[in-house]
Amino acid sequence: MSTSSDQPHALTAQVERVLAAIRPSVQADGGDLELVDITETGEVRIRLLGACIECPSADMTLKGGIEQNLKTLIPEVTSVVAVS
């Protein structure tokens, strides 16, 4: 039986699995991403690394790719934001 203290860990594991599936395509363009935090409201905070830092398409990748995948696969995710 799951307790509420298991929820943050389970959510983090789910998010990490989705990010691991996305990561190769980000790395193919010379970038990378790192999970920084998941807030109590379901906001996933990600740090963009490498070529993603200066890439003009980074916001499109973040919202159209990463956020869309996370929200579709994990209903608890409400949004994705990039942090530095």
C-alpha atoms as a PDB file:
ATOM      1  CA  MET A   1       0.000   0.000   0.000  1.00  0.00           C
ATOM      2  CA  SER A   2       1.284   3.459  -0.937  1.00  0.00           C
ATOM      3  CA  THR A   3       1.581   6.196   1.606  1.00  0.00           C
ATOM      4  CA  SER A   4       1.567   9.888   0.819  1.00  0.00           C
ATOM      5  CA  SER A   5       5.307  10.042   1.491  1.00  0.00           C
ATOM      6  CA  ASP A   6       5.801   7.586  -1.383  1.00  0.00           C
ATOM      7  CA  GLN A   7       4.032   9.896  -3.832  1.00  0.00           C
ATOM      8  CA  PRO A   8       6.860  12.408  -4.420  1.00  0.00           C
ATOM      9  CA  HIS A   9       9.352   9.597  -5.018  1.00  0.00           C
ATOM     10  CA  ALA A  10       6.988   7.776  -7.386  1.00  0.00           C
ATOM     11  CA  LEU A  11       6.286  10.957  -9.351  1.00  0.00           C
ATOM     12  CA  THR A  12       9.991  11.749  -9.611  1.00  0.00           C
ATOM     13  CA  ALA A  13      10.667   8.232 -10.905  1.00  0.00           C
ATOM     14  CA  GLN A  14       7.915   8.579 -13.522  1.00  0.00           C
ATOM     15  CA  VAL A  15       9.232  11.956 -14.689  1.00  0.00           C
ATOM     16  CA  GLU A  16      12.795  10.633 -14.846  1.00  0.00           C
ATOM     17  CA  ARG A  17      11.648   7.716 -17.047  1.00  0.00           C
ATOM     18  CA  VAL A  18       9.941  10.059 -19.515  1.00  0.00           C
ATOM     19  CA  LEU A  19      12.952  12.395 -19.563  1.00  0.00           C
ATOM     20  CA  ALA A  20      15.250   9.416 -20.181  1.00  0.00           C
ATOM     21  CA  ALA A  21      13.207   8.565 -23.273  1.00  0.00           C
ATOM     22  CA  ILE A  22      13.383  12.170 -24.524  1.00  0.00           C
ATOM     23  CA  ARG A  23      17.045  12.771 -23.645  1.00  0.00           C
ATOM     24  CA  PRO A  24      18.648  11.017 -26.680  1.00  0.00           C
ATOM     25  CA  SER A  25      16.941  13.351 -29.151  1.00  0.00           C
ATOM     26  CA  VAL A  26      18.011  16.388 -27.115  1.00  0.00           C
ATOM     27  CA  GLN A  27      21.570  15.054 -26.877  1.00  0.00           C
ATOM     28  CA  ALA A  28      21.644  14.438 -30.642  1.00  0.00           C
ATOM     29  CA  ASP A  29      21.489  18.215 -31.075  1.00  0.00           C
ATOM     30  CA  GLY A  30      24.310  18.805 -28.565  1.00  0.00           C
ATOM     31  CA  GLY A  31      22.117  19.574 -25.572  1.00  0.00           C
ATOM     32  CA  ASP A  32      20.916  17.856 -22.461  1.00  0.00           C
ATOM     33  CA  LEU A  33      18.426  18.331 -19.669  1.00  0.00           C
ATOM     34  CA  GLU A  34      18.354  17.814 -15.941  1.00  0.00           C
ATOM     35  CA  LEU A  35      15.400  17.419 -13.593  1.00  0.00           C
ATOM     36  CA  VAL A  36      15.770  20.060 -10.893  1.00  0.00           C
ATOM     37  CA  ASP A  37      12.537  19.813  -8.927  1.00  0.00           C
ATOM     38  CA  ILE A  38       8.860  18.939  -8.990  1.00  0.00           C
ATOM     39  CA  THR A  39       6.661  21.274  -6.972  1.00  0.00           C
ATOM     40  CA  GLU A  40       3.631  20.256  -4.929  1.00  0.00           C
ATOM     41  CA  THR A  41       1.427  21.731  -7.675  1.00  0.00           C
ATOM     42  CA  GLY A  42       2.935  19.452 -10.340  1.00  0.00           C
ATOM     43  CA  GLU A  43       5.263  21.984 -11.955  1.00  0.00           C
ATOM     44  CA  VAL A  44       8.343  20.209 -13.300  1.00  0.00           C
ATOM     45  CA  ARG A  45      11.479  22.348 -13.233  1.00  0.00           C
ATOM     46  CA  ILE A  46      14.151  21.425 -15.746  1.00  0.00           C
ATOM     47  CA  ARG A  47      17.606  22.822 -16.387  1.00  0.00           C
ATOM     48  CA  LEU A  48      18.581  22.909 -20.051  1.00  0.00           C
ATOM     49  CA  LEU A  49      22.259  22.170 -20.668  1.00  0.00           C
ATOM     50  CA  GLY A  50      24.789  22.318 -23.493  1.00  0.00           C
ATOM     51  CA  ALA A  51      23.573  23.605 -26.838  1.00  0.00           C
ATOM     52  CA  CYS A  52      20.043  23.980 -25.424  1.00  0.00           C
ATOM     53  CA  ILE A  53      21.141  27.010 -23.402  1.00  0.00           C
ATOM     54  CA  GLU A  54      21.627  29.216 -26.465  1.00  0.00           C
ATOM     55  CA  CYS A  55      19.236  27.441 -28.835  1.00  0.00           C
ATOM     56  CA  PRO A  56      16.424  29.594 -30.248  1.00  0.00           C
ATOM     57  CA  SER A  57      14.216  26.467 -30.381  1.00  0.00           C
ATOM     58  CA  ALA A  58      14.702  25.626 -26.699  1.00  0.00           C
ATOM     59  CA  ASP A  59      11.317  27.016 -25.657  1.00  0.00           C
ATOM     60  CA  MET A  60       9.586  25.060 -28.415  1.00  0.00           C
ATOM     61  CA  THR A  61      11.404  21.897 -27.306  1.00  0.00           C
ATOM     62  CA  LEU A  62      10.471  22.569 -23.690  1.00  0.00           C
ATOM     63  CA  LYS A  63       6.772  23.266 -24.278  1.00  0.00           C
ATOM     64  CA  GLY A  64       6.031  21.297 -27.437  1.00  0.00           C
ATOM     65  CA  GLY A  65       8.147  18.269 -26.694  1.00  0.00           C
ATOM     66  CA  ILE A  66       9.023  17.816 -23.052  1.00  0.00           C
ATOM     67  CA  GLU A  67       5.926  19.369 -21.452  1.00  0.00           C
ATOM     68  CA  GLN A  68       3.509  17.744 -23.889  1.00  0.00           C
ATOM     69  CA  ASN A  69       5.008  14.298 -23.296  1.00  0.00           C
ATOM     70  CA  LEU A  70       5.085  14.668 -19.524  1.00  0.00           C
ATOM     71  CA  LYS A  71       1.527  15.999 -19.270  1.00  0.00           C
ATOM     72  CA  THR A  72       0.193  13.285 -21.587  1.00  0.00           C
ATOM     73  CA  LEU A  73       1.924  10.427 -19.785  1.00  0.00           C
ATOM     74  CA  ILE A  74       1.760  11.722 -16.202  1.00  0.00           C
ATOM     75  CA  PRO A  75      -1.528  13.434 -15.264  1.00  0.00           C
ATOM     76  CA  GLU A  76       0.001  14.917 -12.083  1.00  0.00           C
ATOM     77  CA  VAL A  77       2.296  17.132 -14.181  1.00  0.00           C
ATOM     78  CA  THR A  78       0.695  20.555 -14.641  1.00  0.00           C
ATOM     79  CA  SER A  79       3.503  22.449 -16.403  1.00  0.00           C
ATOM     80  CA  VAL A  80       7.198  22.399 -17.268  1.00  0.00           C
ATOM     81  CA  VAL A  81       9.516  25.373 -16.798  1.00  0.00           C
ATOM     82  CA  ALA A  82      13.191  25.910 -17.483  1.00  0.00           C
ATOM     83  CA  VAL A  83      15.350  27.150 -14.633  1.00  0.00           C
ATOM     84  CA  SER A  84      18.952  28.251 -14.648  1.00  0.00           C
END
